[in-house]
Amino acid sequence: MCVLMLHMRSVTLRHMQHHLSDVIRHVDQGNEVLVTRRRRAIARLVPLQPAATRIPWPDFVARVARIKGTPLSATILAERD
């Protein structure tokens, strides 16, 4: 990010064009980003949801293990010992 402004970061349009994924990641973390062109603010990026209210992704690996049980490879390795 370019400039720290109180609670919001400012980024130039050129920097955003070259580092869009970094800017989006910053917004995804719940921060706002002010986009500037020639030192004039042209846009403000804000997250759709506050970071605290996001629903965490379920642990799919643990879910599959609960449904299917232990993997066959783990059973074979345990029987070899």
Protein backbone atom coordinates (compact mmCIF):
# COMPACT_ATOMS: atom_id res chain seq x y z
CA MET A 1 0.00 0.00 0.00
CA CYS A 2 1.15 3.50 -0.64
CA VAL A 3 -0.04 5.94 2.01
CA LEU A 4 -1.57 5.34 5.43
CA MET A 5 -4.52 7.68 6.12
CA LEU A 6 -6.04 7.32 9.61
CA HIS A 7 -8.20 4.22 9.17
CA MET A 8 -7.96 4.01 5.40
CA ARG A 9 -5.09 3.30 3.03
CA SER A 10 -4.60 5.20 -0.20
CA VAL A 11 -3.29 3.65 -3.39
CA THR A 12 -2.61 5.20 -6.76
CA LEU A 13 -4.44 3.90 -9.79
CA ARG A 14 -1.16 2.81 -11.38
CA HIS A 15 -0.15 0.88 -8.25
CA MET A 16 -3.57 -0.76 -8.18
CA GLN A 17 -3.27 -1.82 -11.82
CA HIS A 18 0.02 -3.56 -11.09
CA HIS A 19 -0.88 -4.99 -7.66
CA LEU A 20 -4.62 -5.61 -7.86
CA SER A 21 -4.52 -8.93 -6.00
CA ASP A 22 -2.69 -7.32 -3.05
CA VAL A 23 -5.22 -4.47 -2.90
CA ILE A 24 -8.18 -6.88 -3.06
CA ARG A 25 -6.61 -9.05 -0.34
CA HIS A 26 -6.31 -5.95 1.86
CA VAL A 27 -9.97 -5.10 1.26
CA ASP A 28 -10.96 -8.72 1.90
CA GLN A 29 -9.35 -8.45 5.35
CA GLY A 30 -11.93 -5.79 6.23
CA ASN A 31 -9.99 -2.63 5.37
CA GLU A 32 -10.98 0.27 3.14
CA VAL A 33 -8.81 1.49 0.28
CA LEU A 34 -8.95 4.93 -1.31
CA VAL A 35 -7.96 4.92 -4.99
CA THR A 36 -6.33 8.11 -6.29
CA ARG A 37 -5.35 9.43 -9.70
CA ARG A 38 -3.09 12.48 -9.88
CA ARG A 39 -3.51 13.05 -6.12
CA ARG A 40 -7.31 13.22 -6.45
CA ALA A 41 -9.54 10.56 -4.90
CA ILE A 42 -11.57 8.75 -7.55
CA ALA A 43 -12.88 5.66 -5.76
CA ARG A 44 -13.17 3.96 -2.39
CA LEU A 45 -13.09 0.18 -2.10
CA VAL A 46 -14.91 -1.24 0.92
CA PRO A 47 -15.54 -4.86 1.92
CA LEU A 48 -19.05 -6.20 1.37
CA GLN A 49 -19.24 -7.65 4.89
CA PRO A 50 -17.39 -6.63 8.02
CA ALA A 51 -14.55 -9.07 8.71
CA ALA A 52 -16.00 -10.10 12.10
CA THR A 53 -19.33 -11.32 10.67
CA ARG A 54 -17.93 -13.59 7.98
CA ILE A 55 -18.80 -17.25 8.20
CA PRO A 56 -15.69 -19.48 8.33
CA TRP A 57 -15.33 -22.23 5.74
CA PRO A 58 -16.07 -25.71 7.07
CA ASP A 59 -13.21 -28.17 7.46
CA PHE A 60 -13.97 -30.44 4.52
CA VAL A 61 -11.14 -32.87 5.25
CA ALA A 62 -12.42 -33.53 8.77
CA ARG A 63 -15.96 -33.83 7.44
CA VAL A 64 -14.94 -36.49 4.90
CA ALA A 65 -13.02 -38.36 7.60
CA ARG A 66 -16.13 -38.41 9.81
CA ILE A 67 -18.31 -39.68 6.97
CA LYS A 68 -15.98 -42.25 5.43
CA GLY A 69 -13.88 -43.16 8.44
CA THR A 70 -10.13 -43.58 8.40
CA PRO A 71 -8.47 -43.78 4.98
CA LEU A 72 -7.51 -47.22 3.70
CA SER A 73 -3.86 -46.24 3.45
CA ALA A 74 -3.80 -45.41 7.18
CA THR A 75 -5.39 -48.78 7.99
CA ILE A 76 -2.82 -50.64 5.87
CA LEU A 77 0.10 -48.80 7.48
CA ALA A 78 -1.28 -49.55 10.95
CA GLU A 79 -1.59 -53.28 10.14
CA ARG A 80 1.99 -53.43 8.84
CA ASP A 81 3.39 -52.41 12.23
